[in-house]
Amino acid sequence: RLGMTCLKTIEMLRILKIALIAILSIVLWIATLLYIAPRFDEFPAWVFNLVLSLPIILPAAFGLYLLFCLIVGVKAFKTVPKEAENLQKDIARAKKALKAKGISSKNE
């Protein structure tokens, strides 16, 4: 959480933030792998297998998190009937103005 706060204070492009996080994640994974590999006998086999499979597990988990956020966002999206009605009135008014200028639309 602290790292993300530091990234927010630095003005940089979004793609640079993503690249920085990806590079830091890869470096952290390689460092963990290099720490565990020589000490393979000291750790249970599942720890070594978990570290090896992190590059697959984490993007999949992040994808599921994004899917969850998308579903929650769609579910919480509010429809505003009054604004939809105003939009239809604006469209009708614009069509009328364009028709007065001699420009016709294909929908009529």
PDB file of N, CA and C in Angstrom:
ATOM      1  N   ARG A   1       0.823  -1.196   0.000  1.00  0.00           N
ATOM      2  CA  ARG A   1       0.000   0.000   0.000  1.00  0.00           C
ATOM      3  C   ARG A   1       0.864   1.256   0.000  1.00  0.00           C
ATOM      4  N   LEU A   2       1.964   1.193   0.706  1.00  0.00           N
ATOM      5  CA  LEU A   2       2.867   2.340   0.766  1.00  0.00           C
ATOM      6  C   LEU A   2       3.469   2.620  -0.609  1.00  0.00           C
ATOM      7  N   GLY A   3       3.819   1.560  -1.332  1.00  0.00           N
ATOM      8  CA  GLY A   3       4.406   1.726  -2.666  1.00  0.00           C
ATOM      9  C   GLY A   3       3.450   2.400  -3.620  1.00  0.00           C
ATOM     10  N   MET A   4       2.160   2.038  -3.542  1.00  0.00           N
ATOM     11  CA  MET A   4       1.176   2.643  -4.426  1.00  0.00           C
ATOM     12  C   MET A   4       0.975   4.115  -4.075  1.00  0.00           C
ATOM     13  N   THR A   5       1.065   4.463  -2.798  1.00  0.00           N
ATOM     14  CA  THR A   5       0.938   5.856  -2.388  1.00  0.00           C
ATOM     15  C   THR A   5       2.090   6.674  -2.963  1.00  0.00           C
ATOM     16  N   CYS A   6       3.298   6.099  -2.927  1.00  0.00           N
ATOM     17  CA  CYS A   6       4.446   6.798  -3.494  1.00  0.00           C
ATOM     18  C   CYS A   6       4.282   6.987  -4.989  1.00  0.00           C
ATOM     19  N   LEU A   7       3.718   5.989  -5.671  1.00  0.00           N
ATOM     20  CA  LEU A   7       3.520   6.102  -7.110  1.00  0.00           C
ATOM     21  C   LEU A   7       2.492   7.174  -7.448  1.00  0.00           C
ATOM     22  N   LYS A   8       1.507   7.384  -6.568  1.00  0.00           N
ATOM     23  CA  LYS A   8       0.494   8.393  -6.837  1.00  0.00           C
ATOM     24  C   LYS A   8       1.071   9.799  -6.746  1.00  0.00           C
ATOM     25  N   THR A   9       2.079   9.994  -5.919  1.00  0.00           N
ATOM     26  CA  THR A   9       2.637  11.327  -5.763  1.00  0.00           C
ATOM     27  C   THR A   9       3.530  11.708  -6.936  1.00  0.00           C
ATOM     28  N   ILE A  10       4.079  10.719  -7.601  1.00  0.00           N
ATOM     29  CA  ILE A  10       4.948  10.997  -8.749  1.00  0.00           C
ATOM     30  C   ILE A  10       4.065  11.151  -9.984  1.00  0.00           C
ATOM     31  N   GLU A  11       4.208  12.246 -10.685  1.00  0.00           N
ATOM     32  CA  GLU A  11       3.449  12.460 -11.905  1.00  0.00           C
ATOM     33  C   GLU A  11       4.100  11.672 -13.036  1.00  0.00           C
ATOM     34  N   MET A  12       3.421  10.641 -13.492  1.00  0.00           N
ATOM     35  CA  MET A  12       3.931   9.864 -14.606  1.00  0.00           C
ATOM     36  C   MET A  12       2.758   9.278 -15.377  1.00  0.00           C
ATOM     37  N   LEU A  13       3.046   8.859 -16.567  1.00  0.00           N
ATOM     38  CA  LEU A  13       2.013   8.272 -17.391  1.00  0.00           C
ATOM     39  C   LEU A  13       1.563   6.949 -16.800  1.00  0.00           C
ATOM     40  N   ARG A  14       0.329   6.598 -17.082  1.00  0.00           N
ATOM     41  CA  ARG A  14      -0.225   5.347 -16.561  1.00  0.00           C
ATOM     42  C   ARG A  14       0.571   4.140 -17.044  1.00  0.00           C
ATOM     43  N   ILE A  15       1.002   4.147 -18.296  1.00  0.00           N
ATOM     44  CA  ILE A  15       1.750   3.024 -18.837  1.00  0.00           C
ATOM     45  C   ILE A  15       3.097   2.883 -18.133  1.00  0.00           C
ATOM     46  N   LEU A  16       3.694   4.002 -17.719  1.00  0.00           N
ATOM     47  CA  LEU A  16       4.944   3.932 -16.985  1.00  0.00           C
ATOM     48  C   LEU A  16       4.735   3.330 -15.600  1.00  0.00           C
ATOM     49  N   LYS A  17       3.609   3.650 -14.970  1.00  0.00           N
ATOM     50  CA  LYS A  17       3.301   3.049 -13.676  1.00  0.00           C
ATOM     51  C   LYS A  17       3.129   1.539 -13.822  1.00  0.00           C
ATOM     52  N   ILE A  18       2.393   1.133 -14.848  1.00  0.00           N
ATOM     53  CA  ILE A  18       2.173  -0.290 -15.071  1.00  0.00           C
ATOM     54  C   ILE A  18       3.487  -0.992 -15.352  1.00  0.00           C
ATOM     55  N   ALA A  19       4.320  -0.378 -16.188  1.00  0.00           N
ATOM     56  CA  ALA A  19       5.622  -0.977 -16.508  1.00  0.00           C
ATOM     57  C   ALA A  19       6.498  -1.062 -15.261  1.00  0.00           C
ATOM     58  N   LEU A  20       6.485  -0.028 -14.445  1.00  0.00           N
ATOM     59  CA  LEU A  20       7.282  -0.030 -13.223  1.00  0.00           C
ATOM     60  C   LEU A  20       6.824  -1.125 -12.265  1.00  0.00           C
ATOM     61  N   ILE A  21       5.523  -1.262 -12.090  1.00  0.00           N
ATOM     62  CA  ILE A  21       4.987  -2.311 -11.223  1.00  0.00           C
ATOM     63  C   ILE A  21       5.332  -3.688 -11.781  1.00  0.00           C
ATOM     64  N   ALA A  22       5.232  -3.855 -13.102  1.00  0.00           N
ATOM     65  CA  ALA A  22       5.564  -5.147 -13.715  1.00  0.00           C
ATOM     66  C   ALA A  22       7.038  -5.483 -13.522  1.00  0.00           C
ATOM     67  N   ILE A  23       7.900  -4.518 -13.739  1.00  0.00           N
ATOM     68  CA  ILE A  23       9.341  -4.762 -13.580  1.00  0.00           C
ATOM     69  C   ILE A  23       9.683  -5.084 -12.128  1.00  0.00           C
ATOM     70  N   LEU A  24       9.111  -4.321 -11.201  1.00  0.00           N
ATOM     71  CA  LEU A  24       9.358  -4.589  -9.785  1.00  0.00           C
ATOM     72  C   LEU A  24       8.834  -5.966  -9.374  1.00  0.00           C
ATOM     73  N   SER A  25       7.689  -6.351  -9.921  1.00  0.00           N
ATOM     74  CA  SER A  25       7.130  -7.666  -9.614  1.00  0.00           C
ATOM     75  C   SER A  25       8.026  -8.777 -10.140  1.00  0.00           C
ATOM     76  N   ILE A  26       8.541  -8.619 -11.350  1.00  0.00           N
ATOM     77  CA  ILE A  26       9.432  -9.621 -11.940  1.00  0.00           C
ATOM     78  C   ILE A  26      10.720  -9.724 -11.136  1.00  0.00           C
ATOM     79  N   VAL A  27      11.272  -8.585 -10.757  1.00  0.00           N
ATOM     80  CA  VAL A  27      12.510  -8.592  -9.971  1.00  0.00           C
ATOM     81  C   VAL A  27      12.269  -9.267  -8.618  1.00  0.00           C
ATOM     82  N   LEU A  28      11.144  -8.963  -7.982  1.00  0.00           N
ATOM     83  CA  LEU A  28      10.817  -9.579  -6.705  1.00  0.00           C
ATOM     84  C   LEU A  28      10.639 -11.089  -6.856  1.00  0.00           C
ATOM     85  N   TRP A  29       9.988 -11.516  -7.935  1.00  0.00           N
ATOM     86  CA  TRP A  29       9.793 -12.949  -8.173  1.00  0.00           C
ATOM     87  C   TRP A  29      11.132 -13.657  -8.393  1.00  0.00           C
ATOM     88  N   ILE A  30      12.000 -13.049  -9.202  1.00  0.00           N
ATOM     89  CA  ILE A  30      13.308 -13.658  -9.466  1.00  0.00           C
ATOM     90  C   ILE A  30      14.138 -13.717  -8.175  1.00  0.00           C
ATOM     91  N   ALA A  31      14.081 -12.655  -7.372  1.00  0.00           N
ATOM     92  CA  ALA A  31      14.822 -12.653  -6.109  1.00  0.00           C
ATOM     93  C   ALA A  31      14.301 -13.750  -5.179  1.00  0.00           C
ATOM     94  N   THR A  32      12.988 -13.908  -5.112  1.00  0.00           N
ATOM     95  CA  THR A  32      12.407 -14.971  -4.283  1.00  0.00           C
ATOM     96  C   THR A  32      12.819 -16.336  -4.814  1.00  0.00           C
ATOM     97  N   LEU A  33      12.790 -16.491  -6.127  1.00  0.00           N
ATOM     98  CA  LEU A  33      13.183 -17.765  -6.731  1.00  0.00           C
ATOM     99  C   LEU A  33      14.649 -18.078  -6.459  1.00  0.00           C
ATOM    100  N   LEU A  34      15.494 -17.076  -6.569  1.00  0.00           N
ATOM    101  CA  LEU A  34      16.916 -17.287  -6.309  1.00  0.00           C
ATOM    102  C   LEU A  34      17.195 -17.556  -4.828  1.00  0.00           C
ATOM    103  N   TYR A  35      16.349 -17.046  -3.950  1.00  0.00           N
ATOM    104  CA  TYR A  35      16.520 -17.308  -2.524  1.00  0.00           C
ATOM    105  C   TYR A  35      16.071 -18.729  -2.180  1.00  0.00           C
ATOM    106  N   ILE A  36      14.972 -19.161  -2.785  1.00  0.00           N
ATOM    107  CA  ILE A  36      14.409 -20.466  -2.449  1.00  0.00           C
ATOM    108  C   ILE A  36      15.146 -21.605  -3.151  1.00  0.00           C
ATOM    109  N   ALA A  37      15.572 -21.404  -4.400  1.00  0.00           N
ATOM    110  CA  ALA A  37      16.160 -22.492  -5.191  1.00  0.00           C
ATOM    111  C   ALA A  37      17.353 -23.162  -4.506  1.00  0.00           C
ATOM    112  N   PRO A  38      18.329 -22.421  -3.985  1.00  0.00           N
ATOM    113  CA  PRO A  38      19.449 -23.108  -3.333  1.00  0.00           C
ATOM    114  C   PRO A  38      19.053 -23.803  -2.029  1.00  0.00           C
ATOM    115  N   ARG A  39      17.965 -23.362  -1.425  1.00  0.00           N
ATOM    116  CA  ARG A  39      17.519 -23.930  -0.150  1.00  0.00           C
ATOM    117  C   ARG A  39      16.303 -24.834  -0.358  1.00  0.00           C
ATOM    118  N   PHE A  40      16.264 -25.523  -1.480  1.00  0.00           N
ATOM    119  CA  PHE A  40      15.101 -26.337  -1.845  1.00  0.00           C
ATOM    120  C   PHE A  40      14.758 -27.355  -0.764  1.00  0.00           C
ATOM    121  N   ASP A  41      15.762 -27.903  -0.104  1.00  0.00           N
ATOM    122  CA  ASP A  41      15.520 -28.915   0.927  1.00  0.00           C
ATOM    123  C   ASP A  41      14.928 -28.319   2.203  1.00  0.00           C
ATOM    124  N   GLU A  42      15.126 -27.038   2.426  1.00  0.00           N
ATOM    125  CA  GLU A  42      14.634 -26.404   3.642  1.00  0.00           C
ATOM    126  C   GLU A  42      13.141 -26.073   3.587  1.00  0.00           C
ATOM    127  N   PHE A  43      12.607 -25.937   2.377  1.00  0.00           N
ATOM    128  CA  PHE A  43      11.205 -25.544   2.200  1.00  0.00           C
ATOM    129  C   PHE A  43      10.382 -26.745   1.737  1.00  0.00           C
ATOM    130  N   PRO A  44       9.109 -26.770   2.076  1.00  0.00           N
ATOM    131  CA  PRO A  44       8.244 -27.826   1.541  1.00  0.00           C
ATOM    132  C   PRO A  44       8.135 -27.677   0.016  1.00  0.00           C
ATOM    133  N   ALA A  45       7.807 -28.745  -0.650  1.00  0.00           N
ATOM    134  CA  ALA A  45       7.721 -28.730  -2.124  1.00  0.00           C
ATOM    135  C   ALA A  45       6.639 -27.771  -2.610  1.00  0.00           C
ATOM    136  N   TRP A  46       5.549 -27.634  -1.829  1.00  0.00           N
ATOM    137  CA  TRP A  46       4.463 -26.759  -2.279  1.00  0.00           C
ATOM    138  C   TRP A  46       4.900 -25.297  -2.326  1.00  0.00           C
ATOM    139  N   VAL A  47       5.829 -24.886  -1.473  1.00  0.00           N
ATOM    140  CA  VAL A  47       6.318 -23.501  -1.490  1.00  0.00           C
ATOM    141  C   VAL A  47       7.084 -23.248  -2.780  1.00  0.00           C
ATOM    142  N   PHE A  48       7.955 -24.191  -3.138  1.00  0.00           N
ATOM    143  CA  PHE A  48       8.719 -24.041  -4.373  1.00  0.00           C
ATOM    144  C   PHE A  48       7.781 -24.036  -5.577  1.00  0.00           C
ATOM    145  N   ASN A  49       6.787 -24.915  -5.590  1.00  0.00           N
ATOM    146  CA  ASN A  49       5.817 -24.952  -6.694  1.00  0.00           C
ATOM    147  C   ASN A  49       4.986 -23.673  -6.746  1.00  0.00           C
ATOM    148  N   LEU A  50       4.652 -23.127  -5.604  1.00  0.00           N
ATOM    149  CA  LEU A  50       3.891 -21.881  -5.564  1.00  0.00           C
ATOM    150  C   LEU A  50       4.705 -20.731  -6.154  1.00  0.00           C
ATOM    151  N   VAL A  51       5.959 -20.636  -5.768  1.00  0.00           N
ATOM    152  CA  VAL A  51       6.819 -19.567  -6.285  1.00  0.00           C
ATOM    153  C   VAL A  51       6.999 -19.710  -7.793  1.00  0.00           C
ATOM    154  N   LEU A  52       7.146 -20.954  -8.262  1.00  0.00           N
ATOM    155  CA  LEU A  52       7.301 -21.163  -9.701  1.00  0.00           C
ATOM    156  C   LEU A  52       6.042 -20.795 -10.480  1.00  0.00           C
ATOM    157  N   SER A  53       4.878 -20.990  -9.876  1.00  0.00           N
ATOM    158  CA  SER A  53       3.637 -20.735 -10.599  1.00  0.00           C
ATOM    159  C   SER A  53       3.069 -19.330 -10.378  1.00  0.00           C
ATOM    160  N   LEU A  54       3.732 -18.503  -9.598  1.00  0.00           N
ATOM    161  CA  LEU A  54       3.239 -17.135  -9.363  1.00  0.00           C
ATOM    162  C   LEU A  54       3.030 -16.313 -10.639  1.00  0.00           C
ATOM    163  N   PRO A  55       3.909 -16.411 -11.656  1.00  0.00           N
ATOM    164  CA  PRO A  55       3.641 -15.633 -12.872  1.00  0.00           C
ATOM    165  C   PRO A  55       2.348 -16.020 -13.587  1.00  0.00           C
ATOM    166  N   ILE A  56       1.796 -17.164 -13.280  1.00  0.00           N
ATOM    167  CA  ILE A  56       0.517 -17.564 -13.870  1.00  0.00           C
ATOM    168  C   ILE A  56      -0.629 -17.232 -12.913  1.00  0.00           C
ATOM    169  N   ILE A  57      -0.416 -17.481 -11.640  1.00  0.00           N
ATOM    170  CA  ILE A  57      -1.475 -17.286 -10.655  1.00  0.00           C
ATOM    171  C   ILE A  57      -1.840 -15.813 -10.484  1.00  0.00           C
ATOM    172  N   LEU A  58      -0.846 -14.943 -10.365  1.00  0.00           N
ATOM    173  CA  LEU A  58      -1.132 -13.530 -10.086  1.00  0.00           C
ATOM    174  C   LEU A  58      -1.880 -12.822 -11.220  1.00  0.00           C
ATOM    175  N   PRO A  59      -1.476 -12.978 -12.491  1.00  0.00           N
ATOM    176  CA  PRO A  59      -2.292 -12.343 -13.541  1.00  0.00           C
ATOM    177  C   PRO A  59      -3.713 -12.909 -13.613  1.00  0.00           C
ATOM    178  N   ALA A  60      -3.852 -14.211 -13.368  1.00  0.00           N
ATOM    179  CA  ALA A  60      -5.193 -14.796 -13.372  1.00  0.00           C
ATOM    180  C   ALA A  60      -6.024 -14.224 -12.227  1.00  0.00           C
ATOM    181  N   ALA A  61      -5.434 -14.093 -11.049  1.00  0.00           N
ATOM    182  CA  ALA A  61      -6.143 -13.515  -9.911  1.00  0.00           C
ATOM    183  C   ALA A  61      -6.490 -12.047 -10.171  1.00  0.00           C
ATOM    184  N   PHE A  62      -5.559 -11.323 -10.790  1.00  0.00           N
ATOM    185  CA  PHE A  62      -5.827  -9.917 -11.119  1.00  0.00           C
ATOM    186  C   PHE A  62      -6.963  -9.814 -12.141  1.00  0.00           C
ATOM    187  N   GLY A  63      -6.985 -10.714 -13.110  1.00  0.00           N
ATOM    188  CA  GLY A  63      -8.071 -10.738 -14.095  1.00  0.00           C
ATOM    189  C   GLY A  63      -9.413 -11.013 -13.445  1.00  0.00           C
ATOM    190  N   LEU A  64      -9.448 -11.938 -12.496  1.00  0.00           N
ATOM    191  CA  LEU A  64     -10.692 -12.215 -11.773  1.00  0.00           C
ATOM    192  C   LEU A  64     -11.130 -11.013 -10.947  1.00  0.00           C
ATOM    193  N   TYR A  65     -10.158 -10.327 -10.351  1.00  0.00           N
ATOM    194  CA  TYR A  65     -10.473  -9.106  -9.596  1.00  0.00           C
ATOM    195  C   TYR A  65     -11.077  -8.039 -10.521  1.00  0.00           C
ATOM    196  N   LEU A  66     -10.489  -7.862 -11.711  1.00  0.00           N
ATOM    197  CA  LEU A  66     -11.026  -6.879 -12.655  1.00  0.00           C
ATOM    198  C   LEU A  66     -12.415  -7.270 -13.137  1.00  0.00           C
ATOM    199  N   LEU A  67     -12.628  -8.563 -13.350  1.00  0.00           N
ATOM    200  CA  LEU A  67     -13.956  -9.034 -13.744  1.00  0.00           C
ATOM    201  C   LEU A  67     -14.968  -8.750 -12.640  1.00  0.00           C
ATOM    202  N   PHE A  68     -14.591  -9.005 -11.400  1.00  0.00           N
ATOM    203  CA  PHE A  68     -15.461  -8.706 -10.267  1.00  0.00           C
ATOM    204  C   PHE A  68     -15.789  -7.211 -10.210  1.00  0.00           C
ATOM    205  N   CYS A  69     -14.767  -6.365 -10.398  1.00  0.00           N
ATOM    206  CA  CYS A  69     -14.987  -4.909 -10.383  1.00  0.00           C
ATOM    207  C   CYS A  69     -15.927  -4.483 -11.510  1.00  0.00           C
ATOM    208  N   LEU A  70     -15.783  -5.094 -12.670  1.00  0.00           N
ATOM    209  CA  LEU A  70     -16.653  -4.781 -13.799  1.00  0.00           C
ATOM    210  C   LEU A  70     -18.091  -5.169 -13.496  1.00  0.00           C
ATOM    211  N   ILE A  71     -18.288  -6.346 -12.932  1.00  0.00           N
ATOM    212  CA  ILE A  71     -19.640  -6.799 -12.601  1.00  0.00           C
ATOM    213  C   ILE A  71     -20.270  -5.890 -11.549  1.00  0.00           C
ATOM    214  N   VAL A  72     -19.506  -5.530 -10.531  1.00  0.00           N
ATOM    215  CA  VAL A  72     -20.023  -4.625  -9.495  1.00  0.00           C
ATOM    216  C   VAL A  72     -20.347  -3.260 -10.096  1.00  0.00           C
ATOM    217  N   GLY A  73     -19.494  -2.770 -10.986  1.00  0.00           N
ATOM    218  CA  GLY A  73     -19.743  -1.475 -11.623  1.00  0.00           C
ATOM    219  C   GLY A  73     -20.991  -1.479 -12.486  1.00  0.00           C
ATOM    220  N   VAL A  74     -21.194  -2.554 -13.230  1.00  0.00           N
ATOM    221  CA  VAL A  74     -22.398  -2.658 -14.062  1.00  0.00           C
ATOM    222  C   VAL A  74     -23.632  -2.784 -13.184  1.00  0.00           C
ATOM    223  N   LYS A  75     -23.502  -3.573 -12.124  1.00  0.00           N
ATOM    224  CA  LYS A  75     -24.637  -3.765 -11.210  1.00  0.00           C
ATOM    225  C   LYS A  75     -25.015  -2.453 -10.505  1.00  0.00           C
ATOM    226  N   ALA A  76     -24.028  -1.647 -10.151  1.00  0.00           N
ATOM    227  CA  ALA A  76     -24.279  -0.406  -9.413  1.00  0.00           C
ATOM    228  C   ALA A  76     -24.577   0.781 -10.334  1.00  0.00           C
ATOM    229  N   PHE A  77     -24.482   0.579 -11.654  1.00  0.00           N
ATOM    230  CA  PHE A  77     -24.703   1.684 -12.591  1.00  0.00           C
ATOM    231  C   PHE A  77     -26.151   2.155 -12.486  1.00  0.00           C
ATOM    232  N   LYS A  78     -26.307   3.430 -12.285  1.00  0.00           N
ATOM    233  CA  LYS A  78     -27.643   3.986 -12.109  1.00  0.00           C
ATOM    234  C   LYS A  78     -28.171   4.498 -13.447  1.00  0.00           C
ATOM    235  N   THR A  79     -29.407   4.149 -13.731  1.00  0.00           N
ATOM    236  CA  THR A  79     -30.057   4.703 -14.910  1.00  0.00           C
ATOM    237  C   THR A  79     -30.861   5.916 -14.453  1.00  0.00           C
ATOM    238  N   VAL A  80     -30.858   6.925 -15.272  1.00  0.00           N
ATOM    239  CA  VAL A  80     -31.557   8.159 -14.935  1.00  0.00           C
ATOM    240  C   VAL A  80     -32.571   8.426 -16.046  1.00  0.00           C
ATOM    241  N   PRO A  81     -33.823   8.021 -15.831  1.00  0.00           N
ATOM    242  CA  PRO A  81     -34.840   8.164 -16.876  1.00  0.00           C
ATOM    243  C   PRO A  81     -35.041   9.616 -17.326  1.00  0.00           C
ATOM    244  N   LYS A  82     -34.932  10.547 -16.402  1.00  0.00           N
ATOM    245  CA  LYS A  82     -35.130  11.962 -16.758  1.00  0.00           C
ATOM    246  C   LYS A  82     -34.056  12.419 -17.749  1.00  0.00           C
ATOM    247  N   GLU A  83     -32.807  12.017 -17.508  1.00  0.00           N
ATOM    248  CA  GLU A  83     -31.720  12.388 -18.414  1.00  0.00           C
ATOM    249  C   GLU A  83     -31.877  11.714 -19.770  1.00  0.00           C
ATOM    250  N   ALA A  84     -32.363  10.480 -19.788  1.00  0.00           N
ATOM    251  CA  ALA A  84     -32.611   9.790 -21.059  1.00  0.00           C
ATOM    252  C   ALA A  84     -33.686  10.525 -21.853  1.00  0.00           C
ATOM    253  N   GLU A  85     -34.699  10.994 -21.149  1.00  0.00           N
ATOM    254  CA  GLU A  85     -35.769  11.763 -21.805  1.00  0.00           C
ATOM    255  C   GLU A  85     -35.220  13.081 -22.358  1.00  0.00           C
ATOM    256  N   ASN A  86     -34.396  13.762 -21.584  1.00  0.00           N
ATOM    257  CA  ASN A  86     -33.784  15.017 -22.053  1.00  0.00           C
ATOM    258  C   ASN A  86     -32.888  14.767 -23.267  1.00  0.00           C
ATOM    259  N   LEU A  87     -32.155  13.661 -23.262  1.00  0.00           N
ATOM    260  CA  LEU A  87     -31.303  13.324 -24.395  1.00  0.00           C
ATOM    261  C   LEU A  87     -32.133  13.101 -25.646  1.00  0.00           C
ATOM    262  N   GLN A  88     -33.255  12.397 -25.531  1.00  0.00           N
ATOM    263  CA  GLN A  88     -34.123  12.168 -26.689  1.00  0.00           C
ATOM    264  C   GLN A  88     -34.690  13.492 -27.214  1.00  0.00           C
ATOM    265  N   LYS A  89     -35.025  14.412 -26.311  1.00  0.00           N
ATOM    266  CA  LYS A  89     -35.506  15.730 -26.726  1.00  0.00           C
ATOM    267  C   LYS A  89     -34.402  16.497 -27.456  1.00  0.00           C
ATOM    268  N   ASP A  90     -33.177  16.429 -26.945  1.00  0.00           N
ATOM    269  CA  ASP A  90     -32.045  17.100 -27.599  1.00  0.00           C
ATOM    270  C   ASP A  90     -31.792  16.529 -28.993  1.00  0.00           C
ATOM    271  N   ILE A  91     -31.902  15.220 -29.121  1.00  0.00           N
ATOM    272  CA  ILE A  91     -31.707  14.581 -30.432  1.00  0.00           C
ATOM    273  C   ILE A  91     -32.796  15.034 -31.399  1.00  0.00           C
ATOM    274  N   ALA A  92     -34.030  15.069 -30.945  1.00  0.00           N
ATOM    275  CA  ALA A  92     -35.140  15.521 -31.799  1.00  0.00           C
ATOM    276  C   ALA A  92     -34.944  16.977 -32.205  1.00  0.00           C
ATOM    277  N   ARG A  93     -34.498  17.807 -31.262  1.00  0.00           N
ATOM    278  CA  ARG A  93     -34.256  19.218 -31.552  1.00  0.00           C
ATOM    279  C   ARG A  93     -33.122  19.374 -32.571  1.00  0.00           C
ATOM    280  N   ALA A  94     -32.064  18.588 -32.431  1.00  0.00           N
ATOM    281  CA  ALA A  94     -30.942  18.655 -33.365  1.00  0.00           C
ATOM    282  C   ALA A  94     -31.363  18.186 -34.749  1.00  0.00           C
ATOM    283  N   LYS A  95     -32.163  17.122 -34.828  1.00  0.00           N
ATOM    284  CA  LYS A  95     -32.653  16.645 -36.128  1.00  0.00           C
ATOM    285  C   LYS A  95     -33.505  17.708 -36.806  1.00  0.00           C
ATOM    286  N   LYS A  96     -34.334  18.366 -36.016  1.00  0.00           N
ATOM    287  CA  LYS A  96     -35.201  19.420 -36.555  1.00  0.00           C
ATOM    288  C   LYS A  96     -34.346  20.577 -37.082  1.00  0.00           C
ATOM    289  N   ALA A  97     -33.313  20.960 -36.339  1.00  0.00           N
ATOM    290  CA  ALA A  97     -32.439  22.051 -36.763  1.00  0.00           C
ATOM    291  C   ALA A  97     -31.676  21.669 -38.035  1.00  0.00           C
ATOM    292  N   LEU A  98     -31.216  20.446 -38.112  1.00  0.00           N
ATOM    293  CA  LEU A  98     -30.503  20.003 -39.314  1.00  0.00           C
ATOM    294  C   LEU A  98     -31.431  19.919 -40.513  1.00  0.00           C
ATOM    295  N   LYS A  99     -32.675  19.491 -40.276  1.00  0.00           N
ATOM    296  CA  LYS A  99     -33.656  19.414 -41.366  1.00  0.00           C
ATOM    297  C   LYS A  99     -33.975  20.807 -41.886  1.00  0.00           C
ATOM    298  N   ALA A 100     -34.025  21.800 -40.985  1.00  0.00           N
ATOM    299  CA  ALA A 100     -34.292  23.181 -41.385  1.00  0.00           C
ATOM    300  C   ALA A 100     -33.160  23.722 -42.259  1.00  0.00           C
ATOM    301  N   LYS A 101     -31.940  23.221 -42.042  1.00  0.00           N
ATOM    302  CA  LYS A 101     -30.794  23.647 -42.847  1.00  0.00           C
ATOM    303  C   LYS A 101     -30.650  22.828 -44.129  1.00  0.00           C
ATOM    304  N   GLY A 102     -31.541  21.856 -44.320  1.00  0.00           N
ATOM    305  CA  GLY A 102     -31.502  21.049 -45.534  1.00  0.00           C
ATOM    306  C   GLY A 102     -30.654  19.801 -45.430  1.00  0.00           C
ATOM    307  N   ILE A 103     -30.281  19.443 -44.249  1.00  0.00           N
ATOM    308  CA  ILE A 103     -29.485  18.229 -44.037  1.00  0.00           C
ATOM    309  C   ILE A 103     -30.424  17.173 -43.480  1.00  0.00           C
ATOM    310  N   SER A 104     -30.546  16.045 -44.188  1.00  0.00           N
ATOM    311  CA  SER A 104     -31.453  15.002 -43.712  1.00  0.00           C
ATOM    312  C   SER A 104     -30.660  13.856 -43.098  1.00  0.00           C
ATOM    313  N   SER A 105     -31.297  13.147 -42.176  1.00  0.00           N
ATOM    314  CA  SER A 105     -30.639  12.001 -41.571  1.00  0.00           C
ATOM    315  C   SER A 105     -31.173  10.720 -42.202  1.00  0.00           C
ATOM    316  N   LYS A 106     -30.386   9.657 -42.112  1.00  0.00           N
ATOM    317  CA  LYS A 106     -30.760   8.380 -42.699  1.00  0.00           C
ATOM    318  C   LYS A 106     -31.879   7.683 -41.916  1.00  0.00           C
ATOM    319  N   ASN A 107     -32.078   8.069 -40.670  1.00  0.00           N
ATOM    320  CA  ASN A 107     -33.076   7.412 -39.825  1.00  0.00           C
ATOM    321  C   ASN A 107     -34.494   7.851 -40.096  1.00  0.00           C
ATOM    322  N   GLU A 108     -34.687   8.835 -40.919  1.00  0.00           N
ATOM    323  CA  GLU A 108     -36.050   9.324 -41.170  1.00  0.00           C
ATOM    324  C   GLU A 108     -36.587   8.784 -42.473  1.00  0.00           C
TER     325      GLU A 108
END
